[in-house]
Protein backbone atom coordinates (compact mmCIF):
# COMPACT_ATOMS: atom_id res chain seq x y z
CA MET A 1 165.99 83.69 1.28
CA GLY A 2 165.67 79.74 1.39
CA ALA A 3 163.04 77.91 3.28
CA GLY A 4 165.57 76.36 5.49
CA ASP A 5 167.73 79.28 6.39
CA PRO A 6 167.55 81.33 9.61
CA GLY A 7 165.83 84.25 8.13
CA SER A 8 163.07 82.20 6.96
CA ARG A 9 162.75 80.27 10.29
CA PHE A 10 162.56 83.64 11.95
CA GLU A 11 159.74 84.75 9.47
CA THR A 12 157.65 81.49 10.20
CA ALA A 13 158.21 82.17 14.13
CA ILE A 14 157.04 85.69 13.91
CA GLU A 15 154.21 84.70 11.81
CA MET A 16 153.29 81.99 14.35
CA LEU A 17 153.66 84.62 17.30
CA LEU A 18 151.89 87.65 16.00
CA LEU A 19 150.58 87.09 12.64
CA ASP A 20 153.67 88.50 10.94
CA ALA A 21 153.76 91.74 12.87
CA PRO A 22 156.52 94.04 12.16
CA LEU A 23 158.97 94.55 15.24
CA ALA A 24 160.54 97.56 16.67
CA ILE A 25 163.66 96.60 18.86
CA VAL A 26 163.85 99.62 21.06
CA ASP A 27 166.56 101.00 23.61
CA VAL A 28 166.48 104.26 25.45
CA GLU A 29 169.21 105.84 27.68
CA THR A 30 167.82 108.19 30.50
CA THR A 31 168.75 110.76 33.16
CA GLY A 32 167.71 108.23 35.74
CA THR A 33 165.34 105.24 36.66
CA ASN A 34 161.97 107.12 37.24
CA PRO A 35 159.86 107.33 34.08
CA VAL A 36 157.65 110.30 35.84
CA TYR A 37 160.54 112.60 36.65
CA ASP A 38 163.63 111.49 34.63
CA ARG A 39 164.10 112.07 30.82
CA VAL A 40 165.27 110.31 27.84
CA THR A 41 168.59 111.36 26.47
CA GLU A 42 168.93 108.82 23.59
CA ILE A 43 166.54 106.56 21.62
CA ALA A 44 167.36 103.81 19.13
CA VAL A 45 164.81 101.89 17.04
CA ILE A 46 165.73 98.79 14.85
CA GLU A 47 162.67 97.96 12.69
CA ALA A 48 162.45 94.56 11.33
CA GLU A 49 160.08 92.54 9.34
CA GLY A 50 160.19 88.83 8.03
CA GLY A 51 163.42 88.19 9.90
CA GLU A 52 165.37 91.10 8.24
CA ILE A 53 166.25 94.46 9.56
CA THR A 54 164.62 97.27 7.30
CA SER A 55 165.76 100.27 9.13
CA GLN A 56 168.12 101.54 12.00
CA TRP A 57 167.61 104.80 13.59
CA SER A 58 168.83 106.58 16.62
CA THR A 59 169.23 110.03 18.12
CA LEU A 60 170.29 112.03 21.19
CA VAL A 61 167.57 113.63 22.80
CA ASP A 62 167.87 117.07 24.75
CA PRO A 63 166.30 116.17 28.13
CA GLN A 64 165.92 119.69 29.22
CA THR A 65 167.34 118.86 32.44
CA PRO A 66 170.96 118.32 33.65
CA ILE A 67 172.26 114.56 33.39
CA PRO A 68 173.71 113.42 36.69
CA GLY A 69 177.20 112.71 36.77
CA ALA A 70 176.97 109.06 37.58
CA ILE A 71 174.74 108.58 34.48
CA GLN A 72 177.20 110.43 32.26
CA ALA A 73 179.94 108.04 33.28
CA LEU A 74 177.83 105.25 32.82
CA THR A 75 176.50 105.96 29.14
CA GLY A 76 179.12 108.48 28.12
CA ILE A 77 176.29 110.95 27.12
CA THR A 78 177.32 114.35 28.40
CA ASN A 79 175.44 117.54 28.70
CA GLU A 80 177.33 119.01 26.07
CA MET A 81 176.33 116.19 23.57
CA VAL A 82 172.56 116.68 24.19
CA ALA A 83 172.79 120.39 24.20
CA GLY A 84 172.16 120.84 20.37
CA ALA A 85 169.97 117.61 19.95
CA PRO A 86 166.15 117.80 19.46
CA THR A 87 163.78 117.79 22.31
CA PHE A 88 161.46 114.78 22.53
CA GLY A 89 158.56 117.05 21.78
CA ALA A 90 160.29 117.80 18.43
CA LEU A 91 160.73 114.29 17.46
CA ALA A 92 157.66 112.64 19.01
CA ASP A 93 155.57 112.58 15.92
CA ASP A 94 158.37 110.93 13.71
CA LEU A 95 159.00 108.43 16.53
CA TYR A 96 155.34 107.68 16.73
CA GLU A 97 155.03 106.76 13.29
CA ARG A 98 158.09 104.45 13.39
CA LEU A 99 156.63 102.58 16.43
CA ASP A 100 153.13 102.64 15.28
CA GLY A 101 151.56 99.26 14.52
CA ARG A 102 154.86 97.42 15.62
CA VAL A 103 155.47 94.91 18.41
CA PHE A 104 157.84 96.86 20.97
CA VAL A 105 160.55 94.68 21.67
CA ALA A 106 163.19 95.76 24.51
CA HIS A 107 165.30 94.17 27.07
CA ASN A 108 163.41 94.97 30.35
CA ALA A 109 160.58 96.40 28.32
CA ARG A 110 158.98 97.95 31.47
CA PHE A 111 161.63 100.52 31.67
CA ASP A 112 161.96 101.55 27.93
CA TYR A 113 158.25 101.35 27.40
CA GLY A 114 157.43 103.23 30.62
CA PHE A 115 159.84 106.16 29.81
CA LEU A 116 158.57 106.48 25.98
CA ARG A 117 154.73 106.25 27.44
CA ASN A 118 155.56 109.17 29.68
CA GLU A 119 157.51 111.23 27.16
CA PHE A 120 154.71 110.83 24.44
CA GLU A 121 152.18 111.87 27.23
CA ARG A 122 154.22 114.90 27.76
CA ALA A 123 154.14 115.61 24.02
CA GLY A 124 150.25 115.25 24.10
CA LEU A 125 150.30 111.76 22.38
CA ARG A 126 148.80 108.58 23.84
CA PHE A 127 151.28 105.76 22.99
CA THR A 128 150.36 101.99 23.36
CA ALA A 129 152.01 98.95 22.02
CA ARG A 130 152.16 95.19 22.55
CA THR A 131 155.31 94.66 24.21
CA LEU A 132 157.81 91.75 24.25
CA CYS A 133 160.35 91.79 26.80
CA THR A 134 163.61 89.97 26.07
CA VAL A 135 164.80 89.55 29.60
CA ARG A 136 161.61 87.50 30.23
CA LEU A 137 162.04 85.75 26.84
CA SER A 138 165.53 84.71 27.98
CA ARG A 139 164.27 83.43 31.29
CA LYS A 140 161.59 81.42 29.54
CA LEU A 141 164.05 80.03 26.92
CA TYR A 142 167.16 79.47 29.13
CA PRO A 143 165.79 78.76 32.64
CA GLU A 144 168.88 76.86 33.73
CA HIS A 145 170.67 80.42 33.88
CA ALA A 146 170.34 82.47 36.95
CA ARG A 147 170.90 85.92 35.39
CA HIS A 148 169.28 87.58 32.39
CA ASN A 149 170.43 91.21 32.19
CA LEU A 150 172.07 92.34 28.95
CA ASP A 151 175.60 91.64 30.21
CA ALA A 152 174.66 88.07 31.20
CA VAL A 153 172.88 87.57 27.85
CA MET A 154 176.03 88.79 26.09
CA ALA A 155 178.48 86.58 27.98
CA ARG A 156 176.26 83.62 27.59
CA HIS A 157 176.14 83.97 23.79
CA ASN A 158 179.57 85.36 23.25
CA LEU A 159 178.06 88.76 21.94
CA ALA A 160 180.07 91.88 21.40
CA CYS A 161 178.57 95.43 21.69
CA SER A 162 180.01 98.26 19.73
CA ALA A 163 178.77 100.78 22.33
CA ARG A 164 177.42 99.32 25.63
CA HIS A 165 174.94 101.49 27.44
CA ARG A 166 174.39 103.42 24.21
CA ALA A 167 170.78 103.01 22.87
CA LEU A 168 171.88 101.68 19.11
CA GLY A 169 174.62 99.38 20.46
CA ASP A 170 172.27 97.73 23.09
CA ALA A 171 169.35 97.51 20.56
CA GLU A 172 171.68 95.56 18.14
CA VAL A 173 172.61 93.20 20.86
CA VAL A 174 168.96 92.62 21.57
CA TRP A 175 168.38 91.73 17.87
CA ARG A 176 171.32 89.37 17.76
CA PHE A 177 170.09 87.55 21.00
CA LEU A 178 166.62 87.08 18.95
CA GLU A 179 168.37 85.57 16.05
CA ILE A 180 170.54 83.18 18.30
CA ALA A 181 167.64 82.08 20.40
CA LEU A 182 165.61 81.32 17.39
CA SER A 183 168.53 79.27 15.91
CA GLU A 184 169.04 77.37 19.16
CA HIS A 185 165.46 76.64 19.96
CA GLY A 186 163.61 76.32 16.57
CA SER A 187 160.55 78.25 15.25
CA ALA A 188 157.87 76.46 17.21
CA ALA A 189 159.48 76.64 20.60
CA PHE A 190 160.77 80.24 20.05
CA ALA A 191 157.06 81.31 19.03
CA LYS A 192 155.44 79.54 21.74
CA ALA A 193 157.88 81.18 24.32
CA ALA A 194 157.38 84.54 22.74
CA ALA A 195 153.77 84.31 22.61
CA GLN A 196 153.57 83.42 26.29
CA VAL A 197 155.70 86.30 27.22
CA ALA A 198 153.98 88.87 25.03
CA LYS A 199 150.59 87.85 26.84
CA GLN A 200 151.93 88.40 30.39
CA PRO A 201 152.78 91.56 32.32
CA THR A 202 156.52 92.11 32.85
CA LEU A 203 157.18 90.93 36.39
CA PRO A 204 159.84 92.20 38.48
CA THR A 205 163.21 90.17 38.27
CA HIS A 206 162.65 88.58 41.76
CA ILE A 207 158.92 87.59 41.22
CA ASP A 208 158.65 84.09 39.49
CA ARG A 209 155.50 83.58 37.37
CA SER A 210 154.46 80.48 39.48
CA VAL A 211 154.04 82.94 42.45
CA ILE A 212 151.33 84.94 40.65
CA ASP A 213 149.69 81.76 39.21
CA ALA A 214 149.13 80.47 42.72
CA ILE A 215 147.08 83.44 43.58
CA PRO A 216 143.46 82.89 43.10
CA ASP A 217 141.29 85.29 40.98
CA ALA A 218 138.99 85.60 44.00
CA PRO A 219 137.99 87.89 46.62
CA GLY A 220 141.12 88.37 49.13
CA VAL A 221 143.76 90.66 50.59
CA TYR A 222 147.64 90.64 49.46
CA VAL A 223 150.69 92.11 50.91
CA LEU A 224 153.58 93.08 48.79
CA HIS A 225 157.00 92.74 50.61
CA GLY A 226 160.41 94.28 49.85
CA GLU A 227 163.98 93.26 50.93
CA SER A 228 164.08 91.45 54.16
CA GLY A 229 160.25 91.09 54.29
CA THR A 230 159.59 94.80 54.82
CA PRO A 231 155.81 95.32 53.97
CA LEU A 232 155.61 97.59 51.13
CA TYR A 233 151.85 97.61 50.18
CA VAL A 234 148.62 96.03 51.34
CA GLY A 235 145.84 95.59 48.78
CA LYS A 236 142.54 93.93 48.24
CA SER A 237 140.43 93.00 45.36
CA ILE A 238 137.56 90.50 44.58
CA THR A 239 139.89 89.15 41.80
CA MET A 240 143.22 89.15 43.51
CA ARG A 241 145.53 87.70 40.82
CA THR A 242 144.21 90.36 38.24
CA ARG A 243 144.60 93.24 40.95
CA VAL A 244 148.38 92.02 41.75
CA MET A 245 149.33 91.46 37.97
CA GLN A 246 148.12 95.31 37.37
CA HIS A 247 150.80 96.32 39.69
CA PHE A 248 153.38 94.98 37.12
CA ALA A 249 151.67 96.19 33.88
CA ASP A 250 154.08 97.68 31.42
CA ASP A 251 151.76 100.66 30.92
CA VAL A 252 151.88 101.68 34.66
CA HIS A 253 153.29 105.27 34.56
CA SER A 254 152.75 106.64 38.14
CA ALA A 255 155.86 107.21 40.03
CA LYS A 256 154.56 105.34 43.19
CA GLU A 257 153.52 102.27 41.01
CA MET A 258 156.83 102.10 39.18
CA GLU A 259 158.94 102.36 42.33
CA LEU A 260 156.75 99.78 44.04
CA ALA A 261 157.23 97.46 41.32
CA ARG A 262 160.93 97.82 41.30
CA GLU A 263 161.16 97.01 45.09
CA VAL A 264 158.69 93.84 45.33
CA ARG A 265 160.59 90.74 46.29
CA SER A 266 157.70 88.50 47.56
CA ILE A 267 153.82 88.53 47.79
CA GLU A 268 151.55 86.86 50.39
CA TRP A 269 147.93 86.62 50.10
CA GLU A 270 144.74 85.53 52.09
CA ARG A 271 141.56 84.51 50.47
CA THR A 272 138.24 85.83 51.93
CA ALA A 273 134.81 84.85 51.21
CA GLY A 274 133.80 88.06 49.58
CA GLU A 275 134.34 91.87 49.42
CA LEU A 276 133.41 92.68 52.98
CA GLY A 277 136.10 90.30 54.42
CA ALA A 278 138.72 91.64 52.13
CA LEU A 279 137.85 95.37 53.03
CA LEU A 280 137.91 94.59 56.82
CA ARG A 281 141.06 92.56 56.65
CA GLU A 282 142.85 95.15 54.53
CA ALA A 283 142.13 97.94 57.06
CA GLU A 284 143.41 95.68 59.84
CA LEU A 285 146.68 94.74 58.04
CA VAL A 286 147.47 98.38 57.04
CA LYS A 287 147.36 99.40 60.73
CA GLU A 288 149.11 96.39 61.92
CA LEU A 289 151.97 96.47 59.24
CA LEU A 290 152.34 100.19 58.43
CA PRO A 291 153.35 99.35 54.82
CA VAL A 292 155.55 102.08 53.10
CA PHE A 293 153.13 102.72 50.13
CA ASN A 294 149.89 102.76 51.88
CA ARG A 295 148.57 106.16 52.84
CA ARG A 296 144.98 105.36 53.44
CA LEU A 297 143.60 103.17 56.16
CA ARG A 298 146.52 103.94 58.68
CA ARG A 299 145.47 104.25 62.35
CA ALA A 300 144.47 107.88 63.45
CA ALA A 301 146.49 108.18 66.74
CA ASP A 302 144.34 111.31 67.48
CA LEU A 303 140.93 110.13 66.32
CA CYS A 304 138.20 112.10 68.11
CA SER A 305 134.73 113.30 68.11
CA PHE A 306 132.21 115.66 69.65
CA SER A 307 129.82 114.75 72.55
CA LEU A 308 127.03 116.73 73.85
CA ILE A 309 127.53 116.68 77.82
CA PRO A 310 124.47 117.94 79.78
CA VAL A 311 125.03 120.91 82.25
CA ALA A 312 123.10 122.90 84.55
CA GLY A 313 120.60 125.40 82.73
CA PRO A 314 119.16 125.29 79.10
CA SER A 315 122.15 124.15 77.13
CA SER A 316 124.81 121.32 76.97
CA GLU A 317 128.73 121.32 76.72
CA LEU A 318 129.88 120.48 73.37
CA ARG A 319 133.17 118.44 74.11
CA LEU A 320 135.76 117.16 71.85
CA VAL A 321 136.64 113.76 73.10
CA SER A 322 139.29 111.19 72.22
CA LEU A 323 138.18 107.92 70.94
CA GLU A 324 141.31 106.06 72.37
CA GLY A 325 140.11 103.99 75.23
CA LEU A 326 136.60 105.28 75.12
CA ASP A 327 133.85 102.71 75.99
CA ALA A 328 132.25 101.45 72.64
CA ALA A 329 128.88 101.69 74.25
CA CYS A 330 129.08 105.42 74.33
CA MET A 331 129.74 105.71 70.53
CA PRO A 332 126.05 106.30 69.70
CA GLN A 333 126.30 109.66 71.74
CA LEU A 334 128.99 111.21 69.47
CA TYR A 335 128.93 113.35 66.53
CA GLY A 336 131.45 112.96 63.80
CA LEU A 337 134.51 111.07 63.32
CA PHE A 338 137.88 113.01 62.87
CA ARG A 339 141.45 112.00 62.48
CA SER A 340 142.88 114.89 64.38
CA ARG A 341 141.91 117.89 66.86
CA ARG A 342 142.72 120.22 63.98
CA THR A 343 140.26 118.29 61.48
CA ALA A 344 137.68 118.41 63.98
CA LEU A 345 137.72 122.15 64.93
CA ASN A 346 137.77 123.01 61.09
CA ALA A 347 134.67 120.88 60.69
CA LEU A 348 133.17 122.66 63.75
CA ARG A 349 133.87 126.23 62.19
CA ALA A 350 132.31 125.09 58.97
CA LEU A 351 129.27 124.07 60.66
CA ALA A 352 129.12 127.24 62.49
CA ASP A 353 129.47 129.19 59.36
CA ASP A 354 126.59 127.11 57.70
CA HIS A 355 124.34 127.37 60.90
CA ALA A 356 125.35 130.94 62.30
CA LEU A 357 126.44 129.13 65.48
CA CYS A 358 128.36 131.17 68.22
CA LEU A 359 131.88 129.44 68.63
CA GLN A 360 132.43 131.76 71.69
CA THR A 361 129.17 130.33 73.33
CA LEU A 362 130.39 126.86 72.67
CA GLY A 363 133.77 127.59 74.12
CA TYR A 364 135.83 127.24 70.87
CA ASP A 365 136.42 130.97 70.23
CA ASN A 366 138.05 133.62 72.63
CA THR A 367 138.05 136.56 70.14
CA ARG A 368 135.80 139.36 71.48
CA GLY A 369 134.19 142.31 69.72
CA GLY A 370 132.21 145.19 71.18
CA ASN A 371 129.49 144.95 73.70
CA GLY A 372 130.29 141.37 74.63
CA ALA A 373 129.64 139.95 71.34
CA CYS A 374 132.29 137.74 69.53
CA PHE A 375 134.20 138.72 66.52
CA ARG A 376 132.10 136.49 64.28
CA ARG A 377 128.92 138.30 65.32
CA GLN A 378 130.45 141.58 63.74
CA ILE A 379 131.24 139.80 60.46
CA GLN A 380 127.54 138.39 60.44
CA ARG A 381 128.73 134.85 60.94
CA CYS A 382 127.09 134.30 64.47
CA ALA A 383 123.32 134.93 65.10
CA GLY A 384 124.12 136.68 68.39
CA ALA A 385 123.70 134.18 71.17
CA CYS A 386 126.88 135.75 72.77
CA ALA A 387 125.25 139.16 72.75
CA GLY A 388 121.79 138.22 73.81
CA ALA A 389 120.56 138.58 70.27
CA GLU A 390 118.92 135.11 70.58
CA THR A 391 118.24 132.78 73.40
CA LEU A 392 120.58 129.99 74.55
CA GLN A 393 117.55 127.43 74.01
CA THR A 394 117.40 128.80 70.37
CA HIS A 395 121.25 128.36 69.88
CA GLN A 396 121.05 125.00 71.41
CA ALA A 397 118.10 123.80 69.16
CA ARG A 398 120.09 124.92 66.03
CA LEU A 399 123.28 123.28 67.47
CA VAL A 400 121.55 119.84 67.89
CA ALA A 401 119.94 120.32 64.31
CA ALA A 402 123.32 120.90 62.76
CA LEU A 403 124.91 118.10 64.57
CA ALA A 404 122.18 115.57 63.52
CA GLY A 405 123.98 114.89 60.07
CA LEU A 406 127.15 113.95 62.02
CA LYS A 407 125.71 111.44 64.58
CA ILE A 408 127.36 108.21 64.68
CA ALA A 409 125.09 105.35 63.63
CA SER A 410 123.24 103.71 66.62
CA TRP A 411 124.06 100.06 67.46
CA ILE A 412 120.59 98.50 67.34
CA TRP A 413 121.72 94.96 68.61
CA ARG A 414 121.74 93.93 72.16
CA GLY A 415 125.36 92.66 71.82
CA PRO A 416 127.65 91.33 69.30
CA ILE A 417 126.61 90.24 65.86
CA GLY A 418 127.96 87.90 63.15
CA VAL A 419 127.85 89.28 59.41
CA ILE A 420 127.51 86.30 57.14
CA GLU A 421 129.50 86.22 53.79
CA ALA A 422 129.34 83.10 51.72
CA ASP A 423 131.97 81.97 49.29
CA ARG A 424 129.83 80.28 46.68
CA GLU A 425 132.65 78.92 44.86
CA ASN A 426 134.27 77.16 47.60
CA GLU A 427 131.12 76.38 49.28
CA ALA A 428 132.45 78.15 52.32
CA THR A 429 131.24 80.72 54.87
CA ASP A 430 132.88 83.51 56.95
CA VAL A 431 131.29 85.11 59.91
CA HIS A 432 132.55 88.56 60.62
CA LEU A 433 132.19 89.38 64.31
CA ILE A 434 131.21 92.97 65.26
CA ASP A 435 130.29 94.54 68.51
CA HIS A 436 129.30 98.25 68.77
CA TRP A 437 130.91 98.70 65.39
CA CYS A 438 134.31 97.26 66.53
CA TYR A 439 135.70 94.39 64.26
CA LEU A 440 136.45 91.37 66.42
CA GLY A 441 137.74 89.15 63.59
CA THR A 442 136.46 86.43 61.18
CA ALA A 443 135.50 83.05 62.12
CA LYS A 444 135.07 80.01 59.79
CA SER A 445 133.55 77.68 62.48
CA ASP A 446 131.51 77.83 65.59
CA ALA A 447 134.66 77.03 67.66
CA GLU A 448 136.28 80.10 66.03
CA VAL A 449 133.20 82.28 66.89
CA GLY A 450 133.45 81.29 70.65
CA GLU A 451 137.20 81.88 70.59
CA LEU A 452 136.93 85.41 69.32
CA LEU A 453 134.19 86.25 71.58
CA GLU A 454 135.91 85.08 74.51
CA GLY A 455 138.94 87.25 73.89
CA ALA A 456 137.29 90.04 72.41
CA ARG A 457 138.75 93.52 73.06
CA LEU A 458 136.76 96.40 71.59
CA ARG A 459 138.70 98.76 69.45
CA PHE A 460 137.07 101.35 67.26
CA ASP A 461 138.48 101.81 63.94
CA ILE A 462 136.98 104.65 61.81
CA ASP A 463 137.66 102.85 58.32
CA GLN A 464 136.13 99.64 59.55
CA TYR A 465 133.10 101.61 60.99
CA LYS A 466 132.47 103.33 57.70
CA LEU A 467 132.60 100.22 55.68
CA LEU A 468 130.38 98.39 58.06
CA VAL A 469 127.63 100.97 58.21
CA ARG A 470 127.68 101.06 54.40
CA HIS A 471 127.55 97.19 54.14
CA LEU A 472 124.80 96.74 56.83
CA ARG A 473 122.47 99.19 54.88
CA ARG A 474 122.54 96.93 51.88
CA PRO A 475 119.38 94.87 51.31
CA GLY A 476 119.90 91.00 51.75
CA VAL A 477 122.72 91.26 54.27
CA ARG A 478 122.50 88.11 56.75
CA VAL A 479 123.13 89.15 60.36
CA VAL A 480 122.84 86.80 63.42
CA GLU A 481 122.79 87.98 67.05
CA LEU A 482 125.68 86.20 69.10
CA THR A 483 126.06 85.53 72.97
CA ALA A 484 129.19 86.58 74.26
């Protein structure tokens, strides 16, 4: 092969790109689009070194699950065709050897790599490889074109395919695209583009790299949006750009992350001075936007707590109260924070078991045994306040001791406070306004502090309460008392 021919130039480009690393051009056909639940039906691997193909291999795979009719119509691979084929587990070792040490090249590498990662994992093998996505390479080298799927690439470069939507046919098209791209752009430009693509995660088709580059690798909160601006996910991080990029990493293999990455159309972000601001804003946005993929931090419509209400006699009434609309000043008199009545009652039963409390005496159990005792007394889970085996004063003392660990933290300030958080990089400061554990907002100036205090509406949030209590217990936290 001469120094000036395409093969020699391809070898030079690959050497510039990956120190002459061998390539594996891969394509898989599958039963669907979800790498966690769907399975591979066909695999093709074209091995190449030094600008030349050294091996071509393909096989049908028994997915051990029916192939949907629409997929059969698209690929031409039927249930009958794969019935006698090897399972992935049977060919995993051989395939692993074929791919080991090679750069994994595929058109939409996220899809093929994600499926094989999950298949190898089921077979007990951990597969990782450096990937090169030719969709992204095409976008890099041919930015003037709007479409970069395989059909668009074939039409653009007048490429024919012997068997479209079959693994080996599609892999051959990818190989020919690499050859043409090298020929049209030259070794240096090809190598530079491929090296840039190989270093970056595979972004969804609708997300431009400049969008990611604009996100600072600093504390903040971000929102991933889908079609028509639908909020999909709210996240936070002290290194926002790095965290956002992790959503699009090629080795993501959870069903949730794969689905999220497919649906993202736009990204919004908001920088904060530090971690506390990001946490507070995340909890606020999740409850405000109700994003599809967030399960944690959603508003608890039935948030409740226990309160000891003094009554006539030696005991107090243990009342389950809703926190909706409750005066924030009453919070320190409460015990436990529960997202539903059922959760609260389950916690009370566990507490009664641990401390031999009588649920009947507390008004939370109507079951009766003999001699006026509750049923729990008969199974030795109650110390007997219901049957006179202990005094109400003794029972009350054990109840107070049992509840002590659930007591909501006291608000030790006279009014609202400002928690100071400094952004040293930008020499800026955020003031997080808190009143009786209720987050009022974040101010960046004295004027904003006044505006937030003037329009303050106390609304208790269990998630913000927990993170504020945790943060304020740390040494060195700066707090200033404010005047409403």
